[in-house]
Amino acid sequence: MLVAHNHGKNGPSFESWWKLERHLMNCVQCSKSRRLIVDIDIDTHDPVILGEFKVFLASNNITFNVIKTQGGYHVLIRKETIKTNIFSKIQELDSRCEKEVIINKNGMVPVPVPFRQESWSLFPKDVV
């Protein structure tokens, strides 16, 4: 049983609860079901890097959508539409970017408000 320990005038310590929460989040991030998207994390707001990647994806008929974040962008790619080697392009962009361009493997991506609306869909209606 987890209990809050009293540490004097600072009040109770909830460290054991925080450890449990971290452990739970780690399990959620590591769990796998079928992954329908590939999340590319671009840690820059450089429009050249993003623009070049978008042109590459569009020219290869890869379905994607871009989410702007505080540190850059997440490019969500519909996995079943990938028919070419995107990894070499990601490595090329990463080598030219002062920060990093990587495949986000933890399964945690920001979900923008439009994702919950009919106007924005990365997946067919029967999948969501």
N, C-alpha and C. Protein backbone atom coordinates (compact mmCIF):
# COMPACT_ATOMS: atom_id res chain seq x y z
N MET A 1 0.84 -1.18 0.00
CA MET A 1 0.00 0.00 0.00
C MET A 1 0.89 1.24 0.00
N LEU A 2 0.56 2.20 -0.83
CA LEU A 2 1.32 3.44 -0.90
C LEU A 2 0.68 4.48 0.01
N VAL A 3 1.50 5.09 0.82
CA VAL A 3 0.99 6.13 1.72
C VAL A 3 1.87 7.36 1.61
N ALA A 4 1.29 8.50 1.88
CA ALA A 4 2.06 9.75 1.90
C ALA A 4 2.77 9.83 3.24
N HIS A 5 4.07 9.98 3.20
CA HIS A 5 4.85 10.10 4.43
C HIS A 5 4.92 11.56 4.84
N ASN A 6 4.80 11.79 6.13
CA ASN A 6 4.88 13.15 6.65
C ASN A 6 6.34 13.52 6.84
N HIS A 7 6.74 14.60 6.23
CA HIS A 7 8.12 15.06 6.34
C HIS A 7 8.17 16.42 7.02
N GLY A 8 7.60 16.53 8.17
CA GLY A 8 7.69 17.76 8.95
C GLY A 8 6.87 18.90 8.39
N LYS A 9 7.44 20.11 8.49
CA LYS A 9 6.70 21.31 8.10
C LYS A 9 6.46 21.43 6.60
N ASN A 10 7.15 20.65 5.79
CA ASN A 10 6.94 20.69 4.34
C ASN A 10 5.68 19.95 3.92
N GLY A 11 5.04 19.27 4.84
CA GLY A 11 3.82 18.53 4.51
C GLY A 11 4.14 17.13 4.04
N PRO A 12 3.12 16.43 3.58
CA PRO A 12 3.32 15.04 3.18
C PRO A 12 4.13 14.93 1.89
N SER A 13 4.82 13.83 1.77
CA SER A 13 5.58 13.54 0.55
C SER A 13 4.80 12.53 -0.27
N PHE A 14 4.61 12.83 -1.50
CA PHE A 14 3.89 11.93 -2.38
C PHE A 14 4.84 11.26 -3.37
N GLU A 15 6.11 11.15 -2.98
CA GLU A 15 7.12 10.60 -3.87
C GLU A 15 6.77 9.20 -4.36
N SER A 16 6.24 8.36 -3.47
CA SER A 16 5.90 7.00 -3.89
C SER A 16 4.79 7.01 -4.93
N TRP A 17 3.87 7.96 -4.85
CA TRP A 17 2.81 8.09 -5.85
C TRP A 17 3.39 8.57 -7.18
N TRP A 18 4.33 9.50 -7.13
CA TRP A 18 4.95 10.00 -8.35
C TRP A 18 5.74 8.89 -9.04
N LYS A 19 6.43 8.06 -8.25
CA LYS A 19 7.16 6.94 -8.83
C LYS A 19 6.19 5.97 -9.52
N LEU A 20 5.06 5.73 -8.88
CA LEU A 20 4.05 4.86 -9.48
C LEU A 20 3.51 5.46 -10.77
N GLU A 21 3.26 6.76 -10.78
CA GLU A 21 2.78 7.43 -11.99
C GLU A 21 3.81 7.35 -13.10
N ARG A 22 5.08 7.58 -12.79
CA ARG A 22 6.14 7.48 -13.80
C ARG A 22 6.22 6.06 -14.36
N HIS A 23 6.09 5.08 -13.47
CA HIS A 23 6.13 3.68 -13.91
C HIS A 23 4.95 3.37 -14.83
N LEU A 24 3.77 3.85 -14.46
CA LEU A 24 2.58 3.64 -15.28
C LEU A 24 2.73 4.29 -16.66
N MET A 25 3.21 5.54 -16.70
CA MET A 25 3.41 6.22 -17.98
C MET A 25 4.45 5.49 -18.83
N ASN A 26 5.50 4.97 -18.22
CA ASN A 26 6.50 4.21 -18.94
C ASN A 26 5.87 2.97 -19.57
N CYS A 27 5.01 2.29 -18.82
CA CYS A 27 4.33 1.10 -19.35
C CYS A 27 3.41 1.46 -20.51
N VAL A 28 2.71 2.58 -20.41
CA VAL A 28 1.83 3.03 -21.49
C VAL A 28 2.65 3.33 -22.74
N GLN A 29 3.76 4.03 -22.56
CA GLN A 29 4.59 4.40 -23.70
C GLN A 29 5.24 3.19 -24.36
N CYS A 30 5.54 2.16 -23.60
CA CYS A 30 6.22 0.98 -24.15
C CYS A 30 5.23 -0.06 -24.70
N SER A 31 3.98 0.05 -24.31
CA SER A 31 3.01 -0.95 -24.76
C SER A 31 2.77 -0.82 -26.26
N LYS A 32 2.49 -1.95 -26.87
CA LYS A 32 2.27 -1.93 -28.31
C LYS A 32 0.97 -2.65 -28.63
N SER A 33 0.29 -2.06 -29.51
CA SER A 33 -0.84 -2.69 -30.17
C SER A 33 -0.47 -2.60 -31.63
N ARG A 34 -1.40 -2.49 -32.50
CA ARG A 34 -1.00 -2.22 -33.87
C ARG A 34 -0.82 -0.72 -34.01
N ARG A 35 0.30 -0.33 -34.51
CA ARG A 35 0.57 1.09 -34.70
C ARG A 35 0.16 1.48 -36.10
N LEU A 36 -0.74 2.44 -36.19
CA LEU A 36 -1.26 2.87 -37.47
C LEU A 36 -0.51 4.07 -38.03
N ILE A 37 0.25 4.74 -37.17
CA ILE A 37 0.98 5.91 -37.62
C ILE A 37 2.45 5.81 -37.25
N VAL A 38 3.25 6.52 -38.02
CA VAL A 38 4.65 6.72 -37.69
C VAL A 38 4.76 8.20 -37.35
N ASP A 39 5.34 8.49 -36.21
CA ASP A 39 5.47 9.87 -35.75
C ASP A 39 6.91 10.33 -35.94
N ILE A 40 7.09 11.33 -36.78
CA ILE A 40 8.41 11.91 -36.98
C ILE A 40 8.48 13.20 -36.16
N ASP A 41 9.45 13.27 -35.28
CA ASP A 41 9.63 14.42 -34.39
C ASP A 41 10.72 15.32 -34.98
N ILE A 42 10.32 16.51 -35.40
CA ILE A 42 11.25 17.49 -35.96
C ILE A 42 11.42 18.59 -34.92
N ASP A 43 12.58 18.64 -34.29
CA ASP A 43 12.81 19.58 -33.19
C ASP A 43 13.38 20.91 -33.65
N THR A 44 12.74 21.49 -34.65
CA THR A 44 13.10 22.82 -35.12
C THR A 44 11.89 23.42 -35.82
N HIS A 45 11.82 24.75 -35.84
CA HIS A 45 10.78 25.44 -36.60
C HIS A 45 11.30 25.89 -37.97
N ASP A 46 12.44 25.35 -38.38
CA ASP A 46 13.05 25.70 -39.66
C ASP A 46 12.10 25.30 -40.79
N PRO A 47 11.57 26.29 -41.53
CA PRO A 47 10.60 25.97 -42.59
C PRO A 47 11.21 25.18 -43.75
N VAL A 48 12.52 25.27 -43.95
CA VAL A 48 13.18 24.54 -45.03
C VAL A 48 13.14 23.04 -44.74
N ILE A 49 13.47 22.66 -43.52
CA ILE A 49 13.47 21.24 -43.13
C ILE A 49 12.07 20.66 -43.26
N LEU A 50 11.09 21.34 -42.67
CA LEU A 50 9.72 20.85 -42.74
C LEU A 50 9.22 20.83 -44.18
N GLY A 51 9.47 21.89 -44.91
CA GLY A 51 9.01 21.98 -46.29
C GLY A 51 9.57 20.89 -47.17
N GLU A 52 10.85 20.62 -47.02
CA GLU A 52 11.49 19.58 -47.82
C GLU A 52 10.91 18.20 -47.49
N PHE A 53 10.64 17.96 -46.20
CA PHE A 53 10.07 16.68 -45.81
C PHE A 53 8.63 16.53 -46.34
N LYS A 54 7.86 17.60 -46.29
CA LYS A 54 6.49 17.57 -46.81
C LYS A 54 6.47 17.30 -48.32
N VAL A 55 7.38 17.93 -49.06
CA VAL A 55 7.47 17.70 -50.51
C VAL A 55 7.84 16.23 -50.78
N PHE A 56 8.79 15.71 -50.01
CA PHE A 56 9.19 14.31 -50.16
C PHE A 56 8.00 13.38 -49.93
N LEU A 57 7.26 13.61 -48.85
CA LEU A 57 6.11 12.75 -48.52
C LEU A 57 5.03 12.85 -49.60
N ALA A 58 4.70 14.06 -50.00
CA ALA A 58 3.66 14.26 -51.01
C ALA A 58 4.05 13.63 -52.35
N SER A 59 5.32 13.78 -52.73
CA SER A 59 5.76 13.23 -54.02
C SER A 59 5.77 11.70 -54.03
N ASN A 60 5.76 11.10 -52.84
CA ASN A 60 5.72 9.64 -52.72
C ASN A 60 4.33 9.13 -52.31
N ASN A 61 3.32 10.01 -52.43
CA ASN A 61 1.94 9.65 -52.11
C ASN A 61 1.77 9.08 -50.71
N ILE A 62 2.48 9.67 -49.76
CA ILE A 62 2.40 9.25 -48.36
C ILE A 62 1.43 10.20 -47.65
N THR A 63 0.43 9.60 -46.98
CA THR A 63 -0.57 10.40 -46.25
C THR A 63 0.03 10.85 -44.92
N PHE A 64 -0.03 12.15 -44.67
CA PHE A 64 0.57 12.70 -43.46
C PHE A 64 -0.20 13.94 -43.01
N ASN A 65 0.06 14.33 -41.78
CA ASN A 65 -0.43 15.59 -41.26
C ASN A 65 0.60 16.13 -40.28
N VAL A 66 0.69 17.43 -40.20
CA VAL A 66 1.70 18.10 -39.39
C VAL A 66 1.05 18.74 -38.18
N ILE A 67 1.65 18.52 -37.01
CA ILE A 67 1.22 19.16 -35.78
C ILE A 67 2.36 20.07 -35.32
N LYS A 68 2.07 21.35 -35.18
CA LYS A 68 3.09 22.29 -34.69
C LYS A 68 3.14 22.18 -33.17
N THR A 69 4.35 22.09 -32.64
CA THR A 69 4.55 22.02 -31.19
C THR A 69 5.45 23.18 -30.76
N GLN A 70 5.66 23.28 -29.47
CA GLN A 70 6.49 24.35 -28.94
C GLN A 70 7.92 24.27 -29.48
N GLY A 71 8.44 23.05 -29.63
CA GLY A 71 9.82 22.89 -30.07
C GLY A 71 10.02 22.62 -31.54
N GLY A 72 8.94 22.45 -32.28
CA GLY A 72 9.07 22.12 -33.70
C GLY A 72 7.78 21.56 -34.25
N TYR A 73 7.87 20.33 -34.76
CA TYR A 73 6.70 19.70 -35.38
C TYR A 73 6.70 18.20 -35.12
N HIS A 74 5.51 17.63 -35.15
CA HIS A 74 5.33 16.19 -35.25
C HIS A 74 4.66 15.97 -36.59
N VAL A 75 5.24 15.10 -37.39
CA VAL A 75 4.64 14.73 -38.66
C VAL A 75 4.10 13.32 -38.49
N LEU A 76 2.77 13.21 -38.50
CA LEU A 76 2.11 11.92 -38.33
C LEU A 76 1.87 11.33 -39.72
N ILE A 77 2.41 10.15 -39.94
CA ILE A 77 2.34 9.50 -41.24
C ILE A 77 1.50 8.24 -41.12
N ARG A 78 0.57 8.09 -42.02
CA ARG A 78 -0.23 6.88 -42.07
C ARG A 78 0.67 5.75 -42.57
N LYS A 79 0.93 4.80 -41.69
CA LYS A 79 1.93 3.76 -41.93
C LYS A 79 1.67 2.97 -43.21
N GLU A 80 0.43 2.64 -43.48
CA GLU A 80 0.14 1.80 -44.65
C GLU A 80 0.40 2.48 -45.98
N THR A 81 0.60 3.80 -45.96
CA THR A 81 0.87 4.52 -47.21
C THR A 81 2.36 4.64 -47.52
N ILE A 82 3.20 4.16 -46.62
CA ILE A 82 4.65 4.23 -46.82
C ILE A 82 5.07 3.09 -47.74
N LYS A 83 5.50 3.44 -48.95
CA LYS A 83 5.95 2.45 -49.93
C LYS A 83 7.39 2.69 -50.36
N THR A 84 8.04 3.65 -49.73
CA THR A 84 9.42 4.00 -50.07
C THR A 84 10.22 4.12 -48.78
N ASN A 85 11.53 4.21 -48.90
CA ASN A 85 12.39 4.30 -47.73
C ASN A 85 12.40 5.74 -47.19
N ILE A 86 11.60 5.98 -46.17
CA ILE A 86 11.58 7.32 -45.56
C ILE A 86 12.72 7.50 -44.57
N PHE A 87 13.30 6.40 -44.12
CA PHE A 87 14.33 6.48 -43.09
C PHE A 87 15.59 7.18 -43.59
N SER A 88 15.96 6.96 -44.83
CA SER A 88 17.14 7.64 -45.36
C SER A 88 16.89 9.14 -45.45
N LYS A 89 15.67 9.53 -45.80
CA LYS A 89 15.33 10.97 -45.85
C LYS A 89 15.37 11.57 -44.46
N ILE A 90 14.87 10.85 -43.47
CA ILE A 90 14.90 11.33 -42.08
C ILE A 90 16.35 11.51 -41.63
N GLN A 91 17.20 10.53 -41.94
CA GLN A 91 18.62 10.64 -41.57
C GLN A 91 19.29 11.82 -42.26
N GLU A 92 18.96 12.04 -43.53
CA GLU A 92 19.53 13.17 -44.26
C GLU A 92 19.12 14.49 -43.61
N LEU A 93 17.84 14.64 -43.30
CA LEU A 93 17.37 15.88 -42.67
C LEU A 93 17.98 16.05 -41.28
N ASP A 94 18.11 14.95 -40.54
CA ASP A 94 18.70 15.01 -39.20
C ASP A 94 20.14 15.49 -39.27
N SER A 95 20.88 15.05 -40.28
CA SER A 95 22.29 15.44 -40.41
C SER A 95 22.44 16.93 -40.74
N ARG A 96 21.41 17.51 -41.36
CA ARG A 96 21.47 18.93 -41.74
C ARG A 96 20.83 19.85 -40.70
N CYS A 97 20.09 19.28 -39.78
CA CYS A 97 19.36 20.08 -38.79
C CYS A 97 20.23 20.29 -37.56
N GLU A 98 20.22 21.51 -37.01
CA GLU A 98 21.03 21.77 -35.82
C GLU A 98 20.48 21.04 -34.60
N LYS A 99 19.19 20.72 -34.61
CA LYS A 99 18.61 19.91 -33.53
C LYS A 99 18.42 18.53 -34.11
N GLU A 100 17.30 17.83 -33.80
CA GLU A 100 17.17 16.47 -34.31
C GLU A 100 15.88 16.25 -35.08
N VAL A 101 15.95 15.34 -36.01
CA VAL A 101 14.80 14.85 -36.75
C VAL A 101 14.84 13.34 -36.57
N ILE A 102 13.87 12.80 -35.81
CA ILE A 102 13.89 11.38 -35.45
C ILE A 102 12.50 10.77 -35.55
N ILE A 103 12.48 9.45 -35.55
CA ILE A 103 11.22 8.73 -35.42
C ILE A 103 10.92 8.62 -33.93
N ASN A 104 9.77 9.12 -33.54
CA ASN A 104 9.35 9.07 -32.15
C ASN A 104 8.81 7.67 -31.87
N LYS A 105 9.49 6.92 -31.04
CA LYS A 105 9.10 5.52 -30.80
C LYS A 105 8.30 5.33 -29.54
N ASN A 106 8.09 6.38 -28.75
CA ASN A 106 7.41 6.18 -27.48
C ASN A 106 5.88 6.15 -27.58
N GLY A 107 5.34 6.44 -28.73
CA GLY A 107 3.89 6.34 -28.90
C GLY A 107 3.10 7.50 -28.33
N MET A 108 3.76 8.49 -27.78
CA MET A 108 3.06 9.63 -27.19
C MET A 108 3.22 10.83 -28.11
N VAL A 109 2.11 11.28 -28.68
CA VAL A 109 2.14 12.42 -29.57
C VAL A 109 1.10 13.43 -29.14
N PRO A 110 1.36 14.70 -29.39
CA PRO A 110 0.33 15.69 -29.07
C PRO A 110 -0.86 15.51 -30.01
N VAL A 111 -2.05 15.66 -29.48
CA VAL A 111 -3.26 15.53 -30.29
C VAL A 111 -3.92 16.90 -30.39
N PRO A 112 -3.91 17.49 -31.58
CA PRO A 112 -4.51 18.81 -31.74
C PRO A 112 -6.04 18.72 -31.75
N VAL A 113 -6.69 19.83 -31.47
CA VAL A 113 -8.14 19.88 -31.47
C VAL A 113 -8.73 19.45 -32.81
N PRO A 114 -8.18 19.87 -33.96
CA PRO A 114 -8.79 19.45 -35.23
C PRO A 114 -8.80 17.95 -35.44
N PHE A 115 -7.92 17.21 -34.73
CA PHE A 115 -7.88 15.76 -34.87
C PHE A 115 -9.22 15.14 -34.49
N ARG A 116 -9.94 15.80 -33.59
CA ARG A 116 -11.21 15.28 -33.10
C ARG A 116 -12.38 15.75 -33.96
N GLN A 117 -12.10 16.47 -35.02
CA GLN A 117 -13.16 16.98 -35.88
C GLN A 117 -13.20 16.21 -37.18
N GLU A 118 -14.32 16.29 -37.85
CA GLU A 118 -14.51 15.58 -39.12
C GLU A 118 -13.58 16.10 -40.22
N SER A 119 -13.18 17.37 -40.14
CA SER A 119 -12.41 17.97 -41.22
C SER A 119 -10.96 17.48 -41.30
N TRP A 120 -10.49 16.84 -40.28
CA TRP A 120 -9.09 16.40 -40.22
C TRP A 120 -9.07 14.91 -39.97
N SER A 121 -8.60 14.14 -40.92
CA SER A 121 -8.59 12.69 -40.73
C SER A 121 -7.33 12.10 -41.35
N LEU A 122 -6.62 11.36 -40.55
CA LEU A 122 -5.44 10.65 -41.02
C LEU A 122 -5.79 9.20 -41.33
N PHE A 123 -6.92 8.76 -40.79
CA PHE A 123 -7.33 7.38 -40.91
C PHE A 123 -8.71 7.27 -41.53
N PRO A 124 -9.00 6.13 -42.17
CA PRO A 124 -10.36 5.93 -42.66
C PRO A 124 -11.31 5.85 -41.48
N LYS A 125 -12.57 6.15 -41.70
CA LYS A 125 -13.55 6.21 -40.63
C LYS A 125 -13.69 4.87 -39.89
N ASP A 126 -13.48 3.75 -40.55
CA ASP A 126 -13.65 2.45 -39.89
C ASP A 126 -12.50 2.10 -38.95
N VAL A 127 -11.38 2.86 -39.00
CA VAL A 127 -10.23 2.58 -38.16
C VAL A 127 -10.30 3.36 -36.85
N VAL A 128 -10.80 4.57 -36.91
CA VAL A 128 -10.81 5.44 -35.72
C VAL A 128 -11.91 5.04 -34.78
